[in-house]
Amino acid sequence: MTLEINSTLLNEIHQHGQAAYPEEAAGMLLGKAEGERKQVLQRLELHNAREDSARHNRYLLTAEDYLRAEQEAARQGLDVIGVYHSHPDHPNRPSDFDREWAMPWFSYLITSVHKGQAQGSRAWLLAEDRTSFHEETIILIHKK
């Protein structure tokens, strides 16, 4: 699977992670999926609903957040294709907690934010048996 995203959107996701630091930032990825390719066309920034004491290493998106994302995607003629979140002072790979709460098919774009600065993002797809993630290739599109 590949995840295409333009550099402006990825930069906005990095800025969201930096602004939320030292807590985790979170949001939804809206776009189109065709075969082995997903294209991120919009993002929906959401509030991390996890309790204050756990936001430094956990995020929570509520049922209302998912509904809002579905409604916004439908309004734009898009689909909800994934979730993005940041890992403050941790690598941009999924934790066991991420795996426990992940859904198959969704792309999970994780940005490592070290000392307040975004260090890069990687995309992940949960295996069908839910035991692990497979890394998706990110194709960065530069707007002209």
Foldseek 3Di string as FASTA:
>chain_A
DEEEEAPVQVVVLQVQCLVQPLFKWKWFFKFADDVLYTYGDDIGGDDFPPPPVCRNADGDDDPVRVVVVQVVNVVVVIHGQAMEMEHEQDDQFDDVVCLVPDDARHKYWYWYAYPSGTDDIWIWGADPVSPGIDTHHYDYHYDD
